[in-house]
Amino acid sequence: MKFYHLSDKPFTKLRKRKLEIGLKPGGVWLAPSGVWKTFIQEELGGKIPKYEYEFDIDMSKVITLNTYKDIAEFQEKYKDEPWKPKQYTIDWNLVKKDYDGIYVKNALIKKARDDFMWYSTFDVESVCMWANLSSPKLVDPSSSVI
């Protein structure tokens, strides 16, 4: 599947990512075509970064969260100690043992945003990859569509 990464600087090399316990994993953040640009313009009111890179992701080792049930099951399996009553962080090192990345396909499930603090930090449909990332391809800026 094709996903995209925006950056103000040229992408020079892939580096190993350290994962910890927290709300979001560390890694390279990617999204479907146009998602980052729309989010930056409409939600942040910011300038679109100069460079856009395309990645072809092998989804066989990426966990996909698309429904409330997916999110609840994921938290139950990978949660750490609660930092508030019924509010958990995720032990991303445990996730890393099973997967190379996470795909939050639906980032706007209201009940899940209310019930799962870590999930509420995902702003848009996106993928975070921490292993086995393909080499990026620079997208021709003249062909970009917002």
N, C-alpha and C. Protein backbone atom coordinates (compact mmCIF):
# COMPACT_ATOMS: atom_id res chain seq x y z
N MET A 1 0.84 -1.18 0.00
CA MET A 1 0.00 0.00 0.00
C MET A 1 0.88 1.24 0.00
N LYS A 2 0.46 2.26 -0.68
CA LYS A 2 1.25 3.49 -0.76
C LYS A 2 0.82 4.50 0.29
N PHE A 3 1.84 5.04 0.99
CA PHE A 3 1.63 6.08 2.00
C PHE A 3 2.68 7.16 1.79
N TYR A 4 2.44 8.33 2.38
CA TYR A 4 3.28 9.50 2.11
C TYR A 4 3.77 10.16 3.39
N HIS A 5 4.95 10.75 3.28
CA HIS A 5 5.59 11.46 4.39
C HIS A 5 6.00 12.84 3.89
N LEU A 6 5.72 13.87 4.68
CA LEU A 6 6.11 15.24 4.33
C LEU A 6 7.25 15.67 5.23
N SER A 7 8.17 16.46 4.68
CA SER A 7 9.32 16.91 5.45
C SER A 7 9.84 18.24 4.91
N ASP A 8 10.36 19.06 5.79
CA ASP A 8 11.02 20.30 5.38
C ASP A 8 12.44 20.05 4.90
N LYS A 9 12.99 18.89 5.27
CA LYS A 9 14.36 18.54 4.90
C LYS A 9 14.36 17.29 4.04
N PRO A 10 15.37 17.14 3.19
CA PRO A 10 15.46 15.91 2.38
C PRO A 10 15.59 14.69 3.28
N PHE A 11 14.96 13.61 2.88
CA PHE A 11 15.04 12.34 3.59
C PHE A 11 16.35 11.68 3.17
N THR A 12 17.29 11.52 4.10
CA THR A 12 18.61 11.02 3.72
C THR A 12 18.84 9.57 4.08
N LYS A 13 18.34 9.14 5.24
CA LYS A 13 18.55 7.74 5.60
C LYS A 13 17.50 7.31 6.62
N LEU A 14 17.28 6.01 6.63
CA LEU A 14 16.39 5.42 7.61
C LEU A 14 17.21 5.07 8.84
N ARG A 15 16.69 5.39 10.01
CA ARG A 15 17.42 5.06 11.23
C ARG A 15 16.55 4.21 12.14
N LYS A 16 17.21 3.47 13.01
CA LYS A 16 16.47 2.63 13.94
C LYS A 16 15.69 3.51 14.90
N ARG A 17 14.52 3.06 15.25
CA ARG A 17 13.63 3.80 16.14
C ARG A 17 13.51 3.08 17.47
N LYS A 18 13.70 3.81 18.54
CA LYS A 18 13.53 3.25 19.88
C LYS A 18 12.07 3.43 20.29
N LEU A 19 11.46 2.36 20.72
CA LEU A 19 10.07 2.42 21.17
C LEU A 19 10.01 2.35 22.68
N GLU A 20 9.05 3.04 23.24
CA GLU A 20 8.90 3.08 24.69
C GLU A 20 7.44 2.93 25.05
N ILE A 21 7.16 3.10 26.31
CA ILE A 21 5.78 3.13 26.78
C ILE A 21 5.30 4.56 26.62
N GLY A 22 4.11 4.73 26.08
CA GLY A 22 3.60 6.09 25.90
C GLY A 22 2.31 6.10 25.12
N LEU A 23 1.91 7.31 24.75
CA LEU A 23 0.66 7.46 24.01
C LEU A 23 0.83 7.11 22.53
N LYS A 24 1.96 7.53 21.94
CA LYS A 24 2.21 7.27 20.52
C LYS A 24 3.57 6.59 20.34
N PRO A 25 3.69 5.78 19.30
CA PRO A 25 4.98 5.15 19.05
C PRO A 25 5.95 6.12 18.39
N GLY A 26 7.23 5.82 18.49
CA GLY A 26 8.24 6.55 17.74
C GLY A 26 8.42 5.84 16.41
N GLY A 27 8.59 6.59 15.37
CA GLY A 27 8.79 5.98 14.06
C GLY A 27 8.62 7.00 12.97
N VAL A 28 8.52 6.53 11.76
CA VAL A 28 8.28 7.40 10.61
C VAL A 28 6.77 7.42 10.41
N TRP A 29 6.21 8.63 10.40
CA TRP A 29 4.77 8.81 10.26
C TRP A 29 4.41 9.03 8.80
N LEU A 30 3.43 8.26 8.33
CA LEU A 30 2.99 8.27 6.94
C LEU A 30 1.47 8.35 6.92
N ALA A 31 0.93 8.78 5.80
CA ALA A 31 -0.52 8.84 5.64
C ALA A 31 -0.87 8.63 4.17
N PRO A 32 -2.14 8.30 3.89
CA PRO A 32 -2.56 8.21 2.49
C PRO A 32 -2.37 9.54 1.78
N SER A 33 -2.37 9.50 0.47
CA SER A 33 -2.14 10.69 -0.35
C SER A 33 -3.08 11.84 0.03
N GLY A 34 -2.49 13.01 0.27
CA GLY A 34 -3.26 14.22 0.55
C GLY A 34 -3.67 14.43 1.99
N VAL A 35 -3.62 13.40 2.82
CA VAL A 35 -4.10 13.51 4.20
C VAL A 35 -3.28 14.52 5.00
N TRP A 36 -1.94 14.42 4.93
CA TRP A 36 -1.10 15.37 5.70
C TRP A 36 -1.32 16.79 5.22
N LYS A 37 -1.39 16.98 3.90
CA LYS A 37 -1.55 18.34 3.36
C LYS A 37 -2.86 18.96 3.83
N THR A 38 -3.93 18.20 3.77
CA THR A 38 -5.23 18.71 4.22
C THR A 38 -5.19 19.03 5.70
N PHE A 39 -4.61 18.15 6.50
CA PHE A 39 -4.54 18.38 7.95
C PHE A 39 -3.72 19.64 8.26
N ILE A 40 -2.59 19.78 7.62
CA ILE A 40 -1.74 20.95 7.88
C ILE A 40 -2.46 22.24 7.51
N GLN A 41 -3.12 22.25 6.37
CA GLN A 41 -3.80 23.47 5.92
C GLN A 41 -5.06 23.76 6.72
N GLU A 42 -5.91 22.74 6.91
CA GLU A 42 -7.21 22.98 7.53
C GLU A 42 -7.18 23.00 9.05
N GLU A 43 -6.36 22.18 9.65
CA GLU A 43 -6.36 22.09 11.12
C GLU A 43 -5.26 22.93 11.76
N LEU A 44 -4.12 22.99 11.13
CA LEU A 44 -2.99 23.69 11.74
C LEU A 44 -2.76 25.07 11.13
N GLY A 45 -3.32 25.31 9.95
CA GLY A 45 -3.11 26.59 9.28
C GLY A 45 -1.66 26.83 8.92
N GLY A 46 -0.95 25.76 8.68
CA GLY A 46 0.49 25.87 8.43
C GLY A 46 0.87 25.75 6.98
N LYS A 47 2.17 25.86 6.76
CA LYS A 47 2.77 25.76 5.43
C LYS A 47 3.09 24.29 5.13
N ILE A 48 2.78 23.89 3.92
CA ILE A 48 3.07 22.51 3.49
C ILE A 48 4.58 22.35 3.36
N PRO A 49 5.16 21.31 4.00
CA PRO A 49 6.60 21.08 3.84
C PRO A 49 7.00 20.88 2.38
N LYS A 50 8.26 21.17 2.11
CA LYS A 50 8.80 21.19 0.75
C LYS A 50 8.88 19.81 0.10
N TYR A 51 9.18 18.79 0.88
CA TYR A 51 9.43 17.46 0.33
C TYR A 51 8.29 16.50 0.67
N GLU A 52 7.91 15.72 -0.33
CA GLU A 52 6.92 14.66 -0.12
C GLU A 52 7.52 13.36 -0.63
N TYR A 53 7.45 12.33 0.20
CA TYR A 53 8.02 11.03 -0.15
C TYR A 53 6.94 9.96 -0.14
N GLU A 54 7.05 9.07 -1.09
CA GLU A 54 6.13 7.95 -1.20
C GLU A 54 6.81 6.68 -0.70
N PHE A 55 6.10 5.92 0.10
CA PHE A 55 6.59 4.64 0.60
C PHE A 55 5.60 3.57 0.20
N ASP A 56 6.12 2.43 -0.22
CA ASP A 56 5.27 1.28 -0.52
C ASP A 56 5.39 0.34 0.68
N ILE A 57 4.33 0.24 1.46
CA ILE A 57 4.37 -0.49 2.73
C ILE A 57 3.79 -1.89 2.57
N ASP A 58 4.54 -2.88 3.06
CA ASP A 58 4.05 -4.25 3.14
C ASP A 58 3.17 -4.32 4.39
N MET A 59 1.88 -4.43 4.21
CA MET A 59 0.93 -4.37 5.33
C MET A 59 0.81 -5.69 6.10
N SER A 60 1.52 -6.73 5.66
CA SER A 60 1.38 -8.04 6.32
C SER A 60 1.87 -8.02 7.77
N LYS A 61 2.78 -7.11 8.12
CA LYS A 61 3.29 -7.03 9.51
C LYS A 61 2.90 -5.70 10.17
N VAL A 62 1.80 -5.11 9.69
CA VAL A 62 1.31 -3.85 10.26
C VAL A 62 -0.07 -4.12 10.83
N ILE A 63 -0.27 -3.77 12.10
CA ILE A 63 -1.59 -3.95 12.70
C ILE A 63 -2.48 -2.78 12.27
N THR A 64 -3.69 -3.11 11.83
CA THR A 64 -4.65 -2.10 11.39
C THR A 64 -5.76 -1.96 12.42
N LEU A 65 -5.98 -0.73 12.86
CA LEU A 65 -7.07 -0.42 13.79
C LEU A 65 -8.10 0.39 13.02
N ASN A 66 -9.29 -0.19 12.83
CA ASN A 66 -10.32 0.45 12.02
C ASN A 66 -11.63 0.63 12.77
N THR A 67 -11.88 -0.19 13.79
CA THR A 67 -13.14 -0.15 14.51
C THR A 67 -12.89 0.02 16.01
N TYR A 68 -13.95 0.35 16.72
CA TYR A 68 -13.86 0.46 18.18
C TYR A 68 -13.37 -0.87 18.77
N LYS A 69 -13.90 -1.97 18.25
CA LYS A 69 -13.50 -3.30 18.74
C LYS A 69 -12.00 -3.54 18.53
N ASP A 70 -11.48 -3.18 17.35
CA ASP A 70 -10.04 -3.33 17.08
C ASP A 70 -9.22 -2.58 18.13
N ILE A 71 -9.64 -1.35 18.41
CA ILE A 71 -8.90 -0.48 19.33
C ILE A 71 -8.95 -1.03 20.75
N ALA A 72 -10.13 -1.48 21.18
CA ALA A 72 -10.29 -2.04 22.53
C ALA A 72 -9.45 -3.30 22.70
N GLU A 73 -9.45 -4.17 21.70
CA GLU A 73 -8.66 -5.41 21.78
C GLU A 73 -7.16 -5.10 21.78
N PHE A 74 -6.75 -4.12 20.98
CA PHE A 74 -5.35 -3.71 20.95
C PHE A 74 -4.92 -3.20 22.32
N GLN A 75 -5.72 -2.33 22.93
CA GLN A 75 -5.36 -1.80 24.25
C GLN A 75 -5.29 -2.92 25.28
N GLU A 76 -6.24 -3.82 25.25
CA GLU A 76 -6.25 -4.90 26.24
C GLU A 76 -4.97 -5.74 26.14
N LYS A 77 -4.50 -5.97 24.93
CA LYS A 77 -3.31 -6.81 24.74
C LYS A 77 -2.01 -6.07 25.06
N TYR A 78 -1.93 -4.76 24.75
CA TYR A 78 -0.65 -4.04 24.83
C TYR A 78 -0.60 -2.92 25.87
N LYS A 79 -1.60 -2.81 26.70
CA LYS A 79 -1.63 -1.71 27.66
C LYS A 79 -0.56 -1.87 28.73
N ASP A 80 -0.15 -0.72 29.24
CA ASP A 80 0.77 -0.68 30.37
C ASP A 80 -0.06 -0.32 31.59
N GLU A 81 0.61 0.02 32.68
CA GLU A 81 -0.11 0.43 33.89
C GLU A 81 -0.91 1.70 33.61
N PRO A 82 -2.07 1.85 34.23
CA PRO A 82 -2.85 3.07 34.01
C PRO A 82 -2.16 4.28 34.62
N TRP A 83 -2.23 5.40 33.92
CA TRP A 83 -1.67 6.63 34.46
C TRP A 83 -2.77 7.48 35.06
N LYS A 84 -4.01 7.14 34.79
CA LYS A 84 -5.21 7.68 35.42
C LYS A 84 -6.18 6.51 35.47
N PRO A 85 -7.21 6.57 36.31
CA PRO A 85 -8.17 5.46 36.31
C PRO A 85 -8.71 5.18 34.91
N LYS A 86 -8.56 3.94 34.48
CA LYS A 86 -9.03 3.45 33.18
C LYS A 86 -8.38 4.14 31.97
N GLN A 87 -7.29 4.85 32.17
CA GLN A 87 -6.58 5.49 31.06
C GLN A 87 -5.17 4.89 31.00
N TYR A 88 -4.91 4.18 29.91
CA TYR A 88 -3.66 3.45 29.77
C TYR A 88 -2.75 4.06 28.71
N THR A 89 -1.47 3.83 28.89
CA THR A 89 -0.52 4.06 27.82
C THR A 89 -0.29 2.69 27.16
N ILE A 90 0.42 2.69 26.07
CA ILE A 90 0.70 1.44 25.34
C ILE A 90 2.18 1.11 25.48
N ASP A 91 2.47 -0.15 25.71
CA ASP A 91 3.86 -0.61 25.74
C ASP A 91 4.25 -0.95 24.30
N TRP A 92 4.81 0.04 23.62
CA TRP A 92 5.13 -0.11 22.21
C TRP A 92 6.22 -1.16 21.96
N ASN A 93 7.04 -1.46 22.97
CA ASN A 93 8.03 -2.53 22.82
C ASN A 93 7.34 -3.89 22.67
N LEU A 94 6.22 -4.07 23.36
CA LEU A 94 5.45 -5.31 23.19
C LEU A 94 4.86 -5.37 21.78
N VAL A 95 4.33 -4.26 21.32
CA VAL A 95 3.76 -4.20 19.97
C VAL A 95 4.83 -4.52 18.94
N LYS A 96 6.03 -3.99 19.15
CA LYS A 96 7.15 -4.18 18.22
C LYS A 96 7.50 -5.66 18.06
N LYS A 97 7.28 -6.45 19.09
CA LYS A 97 7.58 -7.89 19.00
C LYS A 97 6.67 -8.58 17.98
N ASP A 98 5.47 -8.02 17.79
CA ASP A 98 4.49 -8.64 16.89
C ASP A 98 4.36 -7.95 15.53
N TYR A 99 4.70 -6.66 15.47
CA TYR A 99 4.42 -5.87 14.26
C TYR A 99 5.57 -4.92 13.92
N ASP A 100 5.59 -4.48 12.65
CA ASP A 100 6.56 -3.49 12.17
C ASP A 100 5.98 -2.08 12.18
N GLY A 101 4.67 -1.97 12.41
CA GLY A 101 4.03 -0.67 12.41
C GLY A 101 2.58 -0.77 12.80
N ILE A 102 1.94 0.39 12.92
CA ILE A 102 0.53 0.46 13.26
C ILE A 102 -0.16 1.39 12.27
N TYR A 103 -1.34 0.96 11.82
CA TYR A 103 -2.14 1.74 10.88
C TYR A 103 -3.46 2.08 11.57
N VAL A 104 -3.63 3.35 11.91
CA VAL A 104 -4.90 3.81 12.47
C VAL A 104 -5.71 4.30 11.28
N LYS A 105 -6.56 3.42 10.79
CA LYS A 105 -7.31 3.71 9.58
C LYS A 105 -8.44 4.70 9.84
N ASN A 106 -9.01 4.62 11.02
CA ASN A 106 -10.10 5.53 11.37
C ASN A 106 -9.72 6.22 12.67
N ALA A 107 -9.27 7.46 12.57
CA ALA A 107 -8.77 8.18 13.75
C ALA A 107 -9.85 9.02 14.43
N LEU A 108 -11.08 8.91 13.97
CA LEU A 108 -12.11 9.81 14.48
C LEU A 108 -13.32 9.09 15.08
N ILE A 109 -13.12 7.93 15.67
CA ILE A 109 -14.22 7.23 16.33
C ILE A 109 -14.43 7.91 17.69
N LYS A 110 -15.53 8.64 17.82
CA LYS A 110 -15.75 9.47 19.02
C LYS A 110 -15.69 8.66 20.31
N LYS A 111 -16.39 7.55 20.38
CA LYS A 111 -16.39 6.75 21.61
C LYS A 111 -14.97 6.27 21.94
N ALA A 112 -14.21 5.88 20.94
CA ALA A 112 -12.83 5.44 21.18
C ALA A 112 -11.96 6.62 21.64
N ARG A 113 -12.18 7.80 21.07
CA ARG A 113 -11.42 8.99 21.49
C ARG A 113 -11.73 9.33 22.94
N ASP A 114 -12.97 9.09 23.36
CA ASP A 114 -13.36 9.33 24.76
C ASP A 114 -12.81 8.26 25.70
N ASP A 115 -12.79 7.02 25.24
CA ASP A 115 -12.44 5.89 26.10
C ASP A 115 -10.95 5.56 26.16
N PHE A 116 -10.20 5.87 25.12
CA PHE A 116 -8.80 5.46 25.04
C PHE A 116 -7.90 6.68 24.81
N MET A 117 -7.26 7.13 25.87
CA MET A 117 -6.45 8.35 25.80
C MET A 117 -5.38 8.27 24.71
N TRP A 118 -4.66 7.18 24.61
CA TRP A 118 -3.60 7.05 23.62
C TRP A 118 -4.16 7.17 22.21
N TYR A 119 -5.34 6.60 21.95
CA TYR A 119 -5.95 6.67 20.62
C TYR A 119 -6.35 8.10 20.26
N SER A 120 -6.75 8.87 21.25
CA SER A 120 -7.20 10.25 20.98
C SER A 120 -6.07 11.15 20.50
N THR A 121 -4.82 10.69 20.61
CA THR A 121 -3.69 11.49 20.14
C THR A 121 -3.43 11.33 18.63
N PHE A 122 -4.12 10.39 17.99
CA PHE A 122 -4.00 10.21 16.54
C PHE A 122 -4.95 11.19 15.87
N ASP A 123 -4.39 12.12 15.10
CA ASP A 123 -5.19 13.19 14.50
C ASP A 123 -5.86 12.80 13.18
N VAL A 124 -5.20 11.97 12.41
CA VAL A 124 -5.69 11.62 11.08
C VAL A 124 -5.40 10.15 10.80
N GLU A 125 -6.00 9.63 9.74
CA GLU A 125 -5.66 8.30 9.27
C GLU A 125 -4.17 8.29 8.99
N SER A 126 -3.44 7.39 9.65
CA SER A 126 -1.99 7.40 9.50
C SER A 126 -1.37 6.07 9.87
N VAL A 127 -0.12 5.92 9.42
CA VAL A 127 0.68 4.74 9.70
C VAL A 127 1.96 5.21 10.38
N CYS A 128 2.36 4.49 11.42
CA CYS A 128 3.67 4.73 12.02
C CYS A 128 4.46 3.45 11.84
N MET A 129 5.61 3.56 11.17
CA MET A 129 6.47 2.41 10.91
C MET A 129 7.75 2.53 11.74
N TRP A 130 8.13 1.46 12.40
CA TRP A 130 9.37 1.45 13.18
C TRP A 130 10.33 0.36 12.71
N ALA A 131 9.92 -0.45 11.74
CA ALA A 131 10.80 -1.51 11.21
C ALA A 131 10.41 -1.82 9.78
N ASN A 132 11.37 -2.36 9.03
CA ASN A 132 11.15 -2.83 7.66
C ASN A 132 10.46 -1.80 6.76
N LEU A 133 10.96 -0.59 6.82
CA LEU A 133 10.42 0.48 5.99
C LEU A 133 11.13 0.48 4.64
N SER A 134 10.36 0.53 3.58
CA SER A 134 10.94 0.57 2.23
C SER A 134 11.67 1.88 2.00
N SER A 135 12.51 1.92 1.00
CA SER A 135 13.18 3.17 0.65
C SER A 135 12.16 4.12 0.04
N PRO A 136 12.25 5.39 0.40
CA PRO A 136 11.27 6.35 -0.09
C PRO A 136 11.54 6.79 -1.52
N LYS A 137 10.48 7.21 -2.19
CA LYS A 137 10.59 7.78 -3.54
C LYS A 137 10.12 9.22 -3.44
N LEU A 138 10.94 10.16 -3.90
CA LEU A 138 10.57 11.57 -3.89
C LEU A 138 9.46 11.80 -4.90
N VAL A 139 8.38 12.45 -4.42
CA VAL A 139 7.26 12.76 -5.29
C VAL A 139 7.55 14.07 -6.01
N ASP A 140 7.31 14.10 -7.30
CA ASP A 140 7.51 15.31 -8.10
C ASP A 140 6.53 16.38 -7.62
N PRO A 141 7.05 17.51 -7.11
CA PRO A 141 6.18 18.54 -6.55
C PRO A 141 5.17 19.10 -7.56
N SER A 142 5.50 19.05 -8.84
CA SER A 142 4.58 19.58 -9.84
C SER A 142 3.37 18.67 -10.05
N SER A 143 3.47 17.43 -9.57
CA SER A 143 2.36 16.49 -9.74
C SER A 143 1.50 16.39 -8.49
N SER A 144 1.86 17.11 -7.43
CA SER A 144 1.13 17.02 -6.17
C SER A 144 -0.25 17.64 -6.28
N VAL A 145 -1.20 16.92 -5.73
CA VAL A 145 -2.58 17.41 -5.66
C VAL A 145 -2.97 17.52 -4.20
N ILE A 146 -3.59 18.61 -3.83
CA ILE A 146 -3.99 18.80 -2.43
C ILE A 146 -5.40 18.32 -2.24
